[in-house]
């Protein structure tokens, strides 16, 4: 679904899904929705986590105005694709 289909100007596309109640007490997380409201958009740059020497893109700030979105995500938003695991 394109953001333009929701009345939101954009340069890309995004899939919008939200929980749908299938039966009382049950939520179907895979069910598509006809419409949804985007309350806010956040993006961020890679930086060291406080007190650590680990780069992360988890710290996001609120975007203002129009936001460009591509198939890869929000333009200017940085991600760390490093897989971090611990061994017992």
Foldseek 3Di string as FASTA:
>chain_A
DAVVVQVADEDERDADADWDDPDVPDTDRPDRDPYDDDPWDWAADWDDDPPGRDTALPDTDTDDDHWYAYPVGTPPHDGDPDDDDDDD
